[in-house]
PDB file of N, CA and C in Angstrom:
ATOM      1  N   MET A   1    -177.299 -80.887 -64.906  1.00  0.00           N
ATOM      2  CA  MET A   1    -176.505 -81.924 -64.180  1.00  0.00           C
ATOM      3  C   MET A   1    -176.469 -83.476 -63.983  1.00  0.00           C
ATOM      4  N   THR A   2    -175.906 -83.814 -64.592  1.00  0.00           N
ATOM      5  CA  THR A   2    -176.241 -85.409 -64.564  1.00  0.00           C
ATOM      6  C   THR A   2    -175.510 -85.885 -63.165  1.00  0.00           C
ATOM      7  N   GLY A   3    -176.503 -87.077 -62.801  1.00  0.00           N
ATOM      8  CA  GLY A   3    -175.258 -88.074 -61.541  1.00  0.00           C
ATOM      9  C   GLY A   3    -174.226 -87.930 -62.021  1.00  0.00           C
ATOM     10  N   GLU A   4    -173.865 -88.524 -62.924  1.00  0.00           N
ATOM     11  CA  GLU A   4    -172.562 -88.847 -63.864  1.00  0.00           C
ATOM     12  C   GLU A   4    -171.301 -87.522 -63.171  1.00  0.00           C
ATOM     13  N   GLU A   5    -172.194 -87.057 -63.725  1.00  0.00           N
ATOM     14  CA  GLU A   5    -171.030 -85.396 -63.315  1.00  0.00           C
ATOM     15  C   GLU A   5    -170.802 -85.049 -61.447  1.00  0.00           C
ATOM     16  N   ILE A   6    -171.805 -85.240 -61.811  1.00  0.00           N
ATOM     17  CA  ILE A   6    -172.316 -85.101 -59.777  1.00  0.00           C
ATOM     18  C   ILE A   6    -170.708 -86.491 -59.048  1.00  0.00           C
ATOM     19  N   ALA A   7    -170.940 -87.711 -59.261  1.00  0.00           N
ATOM     20  CA  ALA A   7    -170.153 -88.379 -58.669  1.00  0.00           C
ATOM     21  C   ALA A   7    -169.373 -88.908 -59.791  1.00  0.00           C
ATOM     22  N   GLY A   8    -169.067 -88.395 -60.445  1.00  0.00           N
ATOM     23  CA  GLY A   8    -167.545 -88.521 -61.369  1.00  0.00           C
ATOM     24  C   GLY A   8    -166.227 -88.872 -60.731  1.00  0.00           C
ATOM     25  N   PRO A   9    -165.232 -89.691 -61.208  1.00  0.00           N
ATOM     26  CA  PRO A   9    -163.769 -89.477 -61.115  1.00  0.00           C
ATOM     27  C   PRO A   9    -163.701 -87.843 -61.125  1.00  0.00           C
ATOM     28  N   ALA A  10    -162.871 -86.775 -59.651  1.00  0.00           N
ATOM     29  CA  ALA A  10    -162.193 -85.544 -59.554  1.00  0.00           C
ATOM     30  C   ALA A  10    -160.891 -86.035 -60.350  1.00  0.00           C
ATOM     31  N   ALA A  11    -159.940 -86.594 -60.489  1.00  0.00           N
ATOM     32  CA  ALA A  11    -158.731 -86.581 -60.701  1.00  0.00           C
ATOM     33  C   ALA A  11    -158.595 -86.500 -62.558  1.00  0.00           C
ATOM     34  N   PRO A  12    -159.910 -86.690 -63.563  1.00  0.00           N
ATOM     35  CA  PRO A  12    -159.885 -86.429 -64.859  1.00  0.00           C
ATOM     36  C   PRO A  12    -160.484 -84.661 -64.573  1.00  0.00           C
ATOM     37  N   LYS A  13    -161.004 -84.357 -64.290  1.00  0.00           N
ATOM     38  CA  LYS A  13    -161.753 -82.776 -64.000  1.00  0.00           C
ATOM     39  C   LYS A  13    -160.471 -82.621 -63.615  1.00  0.00           C
ATOM     40  N   ALA A  14    -160.147 -82.835 -62.458  1.00  0.00           N
ATOM     41  CA  ALA A  14    -158.555 -81.192 -61.900  1.00  0.00           C
ATOM     42  C   ALA A  14    -157.640 -81.684 -63.117  1.00  0.00           C
ATOM     43  N   LEU A  15    -157.158 -82.846 -63.475  1.00  0.00           N
ATOM     44  CA  LEU A  15    -155.832 -83.082 -64.958  1.00  0.00           C
ATOM     45  C   LEU A  15    -156.223 -82.162 -65.946  1.00  0.00           C
ATOM     46  N   ARG A  16    -157.681 -82.092 -66.272  1.00  0.00           N
ATOM     47  CA  ARG A  16    -158.450 -81.091 -67.061  1.00  0.00           C
ATOM     48  C   ARG A  16    -157.822 -79.777 -67.322  1.00  0.00           C
ATOM     49  N   PHE A  17    -158.080 -79.614 -65.999  1.00  0.00           N
ATOM     50  CA  PHE A  17    -158.110 -77.914 -64.654  1.00  0.00           C
ATOM     51  C   PHE A  17    -156.579 -77.412 -65.047  1.00  0.00           C
ATOM     52  N   VAL A  18    -155.754 -78.308 -64.634  1.00  0.00           N
ATOM     53  CA  VAL A  18    -154.240 -78.328 -64.452  1.00  0.00           C
ATOM     54  C   VAL A  18    -153.598 -77.701 -66.292  1.00  0.00           C
ATOM     55  N   TYR A  19    -154.133 -78.649 -67.016  1.00  0.00           N
ATOM     56  CA  TYR A  19    -153.691 -78.412 -68.630  1.00  0.00           C
ATOM     57  C   TYR A  19    -154.521 -77.359 -69.118  1.00  0.00           C
ATOM     58  N   PHE A  20    -155.754 -76.908 -68.472  1.00  0.00           N
ATOM     59  CA  PHE A  20    -156.116 -75.608 -69.212  1.00  0.00           C
ATOM     60  C   PHE A  20    -154.841 -74.440 -68.349  1.00  0.00           C
ATOM     61  N   ILE A  21    -154.840 -74.459 -67.041  1.00  0.00           N
ATOM     62  CA  ILE A  21    -154.195 -73.192 -66.472  1.00  0.00           C
ATOM     63  C   ILE A  21    -152.777 -73.397 -67.326  1.00  0.00           C
ATOM     64  N   CYS A  22    -151.800 -75.251 -67.464  1.00  0.00           N
ATOM     65  CA  CYS A  22    -150.644 -74.906 -68.265  1.00  0.00           C
ATOM     66  C   CYS A  22    -150.755 -73.923 -69.975  1.00  0.00           C
ATOM     67  N   VAL A  23    -151.824 -74.367 -70.665  1.00  0.00           N
ATOM     68  CA  VAL A  23    -152.161 -73.723 -71.308  1.00  0.00           C
ATOM     69  C   VAL A  23    -152.385 -72.282 -71.465  1.00  0.00           C
ATOM     70  N   GLY A  24    -152.825 -71.995 -70.627  1.00  0.00           N
ATOM     71  CA  GLY A  24    -152.798 -70.302 -70.682  1.00  0.00           C
ATOM     72  C   GLY A  24    -151.455 -69.871 -70.074  1.00  0.00           C
ATOM     73  N   PHE A  25    -150.805 -70.674 -69.674  1.00  0.00           N
ATOM     74  CA  PHE A  25    -149.486 -69.756 -69.003  1.00  0.00           C
ATOM     75  C   PHE A  25    -148.422 -69.949 -70.501  1.00  0.00           C
ATOM     76  N   ILE A  26    -148.998 -70.849 -70.776  1.00  0.00           N
ATOM     77  CA  ILE A  26    -147.794 -71.275 -72.361  1.00  0.00           C
ATOM     78  C   ILE A  26    -148.266 -70.338 -73.188  1.00  0.00           C
ATOM     79  N   SER A  27    -149.318 -69.802 -73.147  1.00  0.00           N
ATOM     80  CA  SER A  27    -150.288 -68.782 -74.616  1.00  0.00           C
ATOM     81  C   SER A  27    -149.574 -67.247 -74.059  1.00  0.00           C
ATOM     82  N   THR A  28    -149.955 -66.970 -72.799  1.00  0.00           N
ATOM     83  CA  THR A  28    -149.229 -65.479 -72.373  1.00  0.00           C
ATOM     84  C   THR A  28    -148.044 -65.737 -72.452  1.00  0.00           C
ATOM     85  N   ALA A  29    -147.546 -66.430 -72.609  1.00  0.00           N
ATOM     86  CA  ALA A  29    -145.699 -66.402 -72.515  1.00  0.00           C
ATOM     87  C   ALA A  29    -145.499 -66.371 -74.438  1.00  0.00           C
ATOM     88  N   ALA A  30    -146.409 -66.797 -74.335  1.00  0.00           N
ATOM     89  CA  ALA A  30    -145.892 -67.102 -76.111  1.00  0.00           C
ATOM     90  C   ALA A  30    -146.261 -65.766 -76.594  1.00  0.00           C
ATOM     91  N   VAL A  31    -147.918 -64.941 -76.531  1.00  0.00           N
ATOM     92  CA  VAL A  31    -148.356 -63.645 -76.923  1.00  0.00           C
ATOM     93  C   VAL A  31    -147.008 -62.843 -76.452  1.00  0.00           C
ATOM     94  N   ASN A  32    -146.237 -62.658 -75.409  1.00  0.00           N
ATOM     95  CA  ASN A  32    -145.577 -62.035 -75.061  1.00  0.00           C
ATOM     96  C   ASN A  32    -144.368 -61.718 -75.317  1.00  0.00           C
ATOM     97  N   LYS A  33    -143.915 -63.309 -75.866  1.00  0.00           N
ATOM     98  CA  LYS A  33    -142.713 -63.101 -76.625  1.00  0.00           C
ATOM     99  C   LYS A  33    -142.378 -62.849 -78.318  1.00  0.00           C
ATOM    100  N   TYR A  34    -143.709 -62.978 -77.948  1.00  0.00           N
ATOM    101  CA  TYR A  34    -144.077 -62.523 -79.870  1.00  0.00           C
ATOM    102  C   TYR A  34    -144.180 -60.469 -79.636  1.00  0.00           C
ATOM    103  N   ARG A  35    -145.135 -60.298 -78.719  1.00  0.00           N
ATOM    104  CA  ARG A  35    -144.770 -58.701 -78.826  1.00  0.00           C
ATOM    105  C   ARG A  35    -143.577 -58.323 -78.524  1.00  0.00           C
ATOM    106  N   GLU A  36    -142.910 -58.788 -77.624  1.00  0.00           N
ATOM    107  CA  GLU A  36    -140.904 -58.164 -77.258  1.00  0.00           C
ATOM    108  C   GLU A  36    -140.498 -58.428 -78.376  1.00  0.00           C
ATOM    109  N   LEU A  37    -140.944 -59.085 -79.743  1.00  0.00           N
ATOM    110  CA  LEU A  37    -139.970 -59.433 -80.754  1.00  0.00           C
ATOM    111  C   LEU A  37    -140.602 -58.432 -81.465  1.00  0.00           C
ATOM    112  N   GLU A  38    -141.468 -57.946 -82.005  1.00  0.00           N
ATOM    113  CA  GLU A  38    -141.861 -56.991 -82.470  1.00  0.00           C
ATOM    114  C   GLU A  38    -141.962 -55.280 -82.045  1.00  0.00           C
ATOM    115  N   ARG A  39    -141.888 -55.401 -81.139  1.00  0.00           N
ATOM    116  CA  ARG A  39    -140.993 -53.963 -80.146  1.00  0.00           C
ATOM    117  C   ARG A  39    -140.120 -53.763 -80.750  1.00  0.00           C
ATOM    118  N   LYS A  40    -138.441 -54.961 -80.895  1.00  0.00           N
ATOM    119  CA  LYS A  40    -137.529 -54.521 -80.702  1.00  0.00           C
ATOM    120  C   LYS A  40    -137.783 -54.246 -82.300  1.00  0.00           C
ATOM    121  N   SER A  41    -138.125 -55.131 -82.896  1.00  0.00           N
ATOM    122  CA  SER A  41    -138.093 -54.665 -84.572  1.00  0.00           C
ATOM    123  C   SER A  41    -138.735 -53.649 -84.874  1.00  0.00           C
ATOM    124  N   LEU A  42    -139.411 -53.004 -84.241  1.00  0.00           N
ATOM    125  CA  LEU A  42    -139.877 -51.380 -84.579  1.00  0.00           C
ATOM    126  C   LEU A  42    -139.171 -50.448 -83.742  1.00  0.00           C
ATOM    127  N   LEU A  43    -138.207 -51.380 -82.568  1.00  0.00           N
ATOM    128  CA  LEU A  43    -137.176 -49.848 -81.996  1.00  0.00           C
ATOM    129  C   LEU A  43    -136.017 -50.140 -83.149  1.00  0.00           C
ATOM    130  N   LYS A  44    -135.702 -51.042 -83.668  1.00  0.00           N
ATOM    131  CA  LYS A  44    -134.871 -50.959 -84.587  1.00  0.00           C
ATOM    132  C   LYS A  44    -134.819 -50.652 -85.603  1.00  0.00           C
ATOM    133  N   LYS A  45    -136.251 -50.552 -86.490  1.00  0.00           N
ATOM    134  CA  LYS A  45    -136.182 -49.754 -87.691  1.00  0.00           C
ATOM    135  C   LYS A  45    -135.750 -47.927 -87.203  1.00  0.00           C
ATOM    136  N   GLN A  46    -136.607 -47.759 -86.537  1.00  0.00           N
ATOM    137  CA  GLN A  46    -136.999 -46.478 -85.433  1.00  0.00           C
ATOM    138  C   GLN A  46    -135.332 -45.510 -85.709  1.00  0.00           C
ATOM    139  N   HIS A  47    -134.387 -46.800 -84.874  1.00  0.00           N
ATOM    140  CA  HIS A  47    -133.215 -46.299 -84.762  1.00  0.00           C
ATOM    141  C   HIS A  47    -132.342 -46.015 -86.136  1.00  0.00           C
ATOM    142  N   GLU A  48    -132.545 -46.858 -86.961  1.00  0.00           N
ATOM    143  CA  GLU A  48    -132.097 -47.372 -88.513  1.00  0.00           C
ATOM    144  C   GLU A  48    -132.106 -45.949 -88.994  1.00  0.00           C
ATOM    145  N   GLU A  49    -134.120 -45.616 -88.865  1.00  0.00           N
ATOM    146  CA  GLU A  49    -134.581 -44.471 -89.458  1.00  0.00           C
ATOM    147  C   GLU A  49    -133.598 -43.249 -88.991  1.00  0.00           C
ATOM    148  N   ASN A  50    -133.238 -43.115 -87.737  1.00  0.00           N
ATOM    149  CA  ASN A  50    -132.813 -41.661 -86.900  1.00  0.00           C
ATOM    150  C   ASN A  50    -131.364 -41.483 -87.587  1.00  0.00           C
ATOM    151  N   LEU A  51    -130.653 -42.735 -87.757  1.00  0.00           N
ATOM    152  CA  LEU A  51    -129.092 -42.426 -88.483  1.00  0.00           C
ATOM    153  C   LEU A  51    -129.719 -42.146 -89.492  1.00  0.00           C
ATOM    154  N   LEU A  52    -130.318 -42.654 -90.032  1.00  0.00           N
ATOM    155  CA  LEU A  52    -129.985 -42.113 -91.464  1.00  0.00           C
ATOM    156  C   LEU A  52    -130.204 -40.540 -92.155  1.00  0.00           C
ATOM    157  N   SER A  53    -131.451 -40.385 -91.194  1.00  0.00           N
ATOM    158  CA  SER A  53    -131.802 -39.077 -91.300  1.00  0.00           C
ATOM    159  C   SER A  53    -130.768 -38.209 -90.668  1.00  0.00           C
ATOM    160  N   GLU A  54    -129.961 -38.812 -89.490  1.00  0.00           N
ATOM    161  CA  GLU A  54    -128.603 -37.877 -89.134  1.00  0.00           C
ATOM    162  C   GLU A  54    -127.835 -37.548 -90.135  1.00  0.00           C
ATOM    163  N   SER A  55    -126.987 -38.554 -91.051  1.00  0.00           N
ATOM    164  CA  SER A  55    -125.932 -38.805 -91.991  1.00  0.00           C
ATOM    165  C   SER A  55    -126.362 -38.272 -92.930  1.00  0.00           C
ATOM    166  N   SER A  56    -127.670 -37.749 -93.339  1.00  0.00           N
ATOM    167  CA  SER A  56    -128.633 -37.487 -94.131  1.00  0.00           C
ATOM    168  C   SER A  56    -128.331 -36.387 -94.764  1.00  0.00           C
ATOM    169  N   THR A  57    -128.488 -35.057 -92.994  1.00  0.00           N
ATOM    170  CA  THR A  57    -128.448 -33.872 -92.707  1.00  0.00           C
ATOM    171  C   THR A  57    -126.929 -33.324 -92.168  1.00  0.00           C
ATOM    172  N   ASN A  58    -126.630 -34.730 -92.090  1.00  0.00           N
ATOM    173  CA  ASN A  58    -124.795 -33.840 -91.400  1.00  0.00           C
ATOM    174  C   ASN A  58    -123.850 -33.691 -93.219  1.00  0.00           C
ATOM    175  N   ALA A  59    -124.493 -34.421 -94.326  1.00  0.00           N
ATOM    176  CA  ALA A  59    -123.929 -34.686 -95.262  1.00  0.00           C
ATOM    177  C   ALA A  59    -124.918 -33.859 -96.410  1.00  0.00           C
ATOM    178  N   GLU A  60    -124.087 -33.699 -97.722  1.00  0.00           N
ATOM    179  CA  GLU A  60    -124.603 -32.709 -98.971  1.00  0.00           C
ATOM    180  C   GLU A  60    -123.982 -33.781-100.155  1.00  0.00           C
ATOM    181  N   PHE A  61    -125.177 -34.481-100.264  1.00  0.00           N
ATOM    182  CA  PHE A  61    -124.519 -35.229-101.777  1.00  0.00           C
ATOM    183  C   PHE A  61    -125.324 -34.414-103.315  1.00  0.00           C
ATOM    184  N   VAL A  62    -124.191 -34.232-103.894  1.00  0.00           N
ATOM    185  CA  VAL A  62    -124.355 -33.343-105.055  1.00  0.00           C
ATOM    186  C   VAL A  62    -124.394 -34.556-106.335  1.00  0.00           C
ATOM    187  N   TYR A  63    -125.281 -34.938-107.810  1.00  0.00           N
ATOM    188  CA  TYR A  63    -125.610 -35.570-108.571  1.00  0.00           C
ATOM    189  C   TYR A  63    -124.362 -34.882-109.691  1.00  0.00           C
ATOM    190  N   VAL A  64    -123.781 -35.321-109.375  1.00  0.00           N
ATOM    191  CA  VAL A  64    -122.903 -35.101-110.821  1.00  0.00           C
ATOM    192  C   VAL A  64    -122.698 -36.187-111.616  1.00  0.00           C
ATOM    193  N   ASN A  65    -122.723 -36.268-113.434  1.00  0.00           N
ATOM    194  CA  ASN A  65    -122.332 -37.549-114.126  1.00  0.00           C
ATOM    195  C   ASN A  65    -122.925 -38.475-114.060  1.00  0.00           C
ATOM    196  N   GLY A  66    -124.161 -38.291-113.644  1.00  0.00           N
ATOM    197  CA  GLY A  66    -125.106 -39.648-113.528  1.00  0.00           C
ATOM    198  C   GLY A  66    -124.755 -40.341-112.032  1.00  0.00           C
ATOM    199  N   GLU A  67    -124.318 -39.749-110.616  1.00  0.00           N
ATOM    200  CA  GLU A  67    -123.614 -40.333-109.523  1.00  0.00           C
ATOM    201  C   GLU A  67    -123.900 -39.110-108.564  1.00  0.00           C
ATOM    202  N   PHE A  68    -123.956 -40.019-107.189  1.00  0.00           N
ATOM    203  CA  PHE A  68    -123.942 -38.905-106.508  1.00  0.00           C
ATOM    204  C   PHE A  68    -123.398 -39.175-105.473  1.00  0.00           C
ATOM    205  N   ASN A  69    -122.418 -37.638-105.001  1.00  0.00           N
ATOM    206  CA  ASN A  69    -121.336 -37.664-104.804  1.00  0.00           C
ATOM    207  C   ASN A  69    -121.314 -36.603-102.988  1.00  0.00           C
ATOM    208  N   LEU A  70    -120.568 -36.790-102.205  1.00  0.00           N
ATOM    209  CA  LEU A  70    -120.255 -36.212-101.085  1.00  0.00           C
ATOM    210  C   LEU A  70    -119.406 -34.382-101.538  1.00  0.00           C
TER     211      LEU A  70
END
């Protein structure tokens, strides 16, 4: 450490520290929001797949003259 670092003003160092902490909070919030959106997307896909599988087990499709009929 040089004498400048020891005797330098504390305000810029404290301000940089506060900025660093704020950036950490913002980054954490952004990552959590992204994870939440991804989780909701996966749940929605699974729900749609479950609905499709349930509807396909309840109905019988018959292929007649180039068309699928119930």
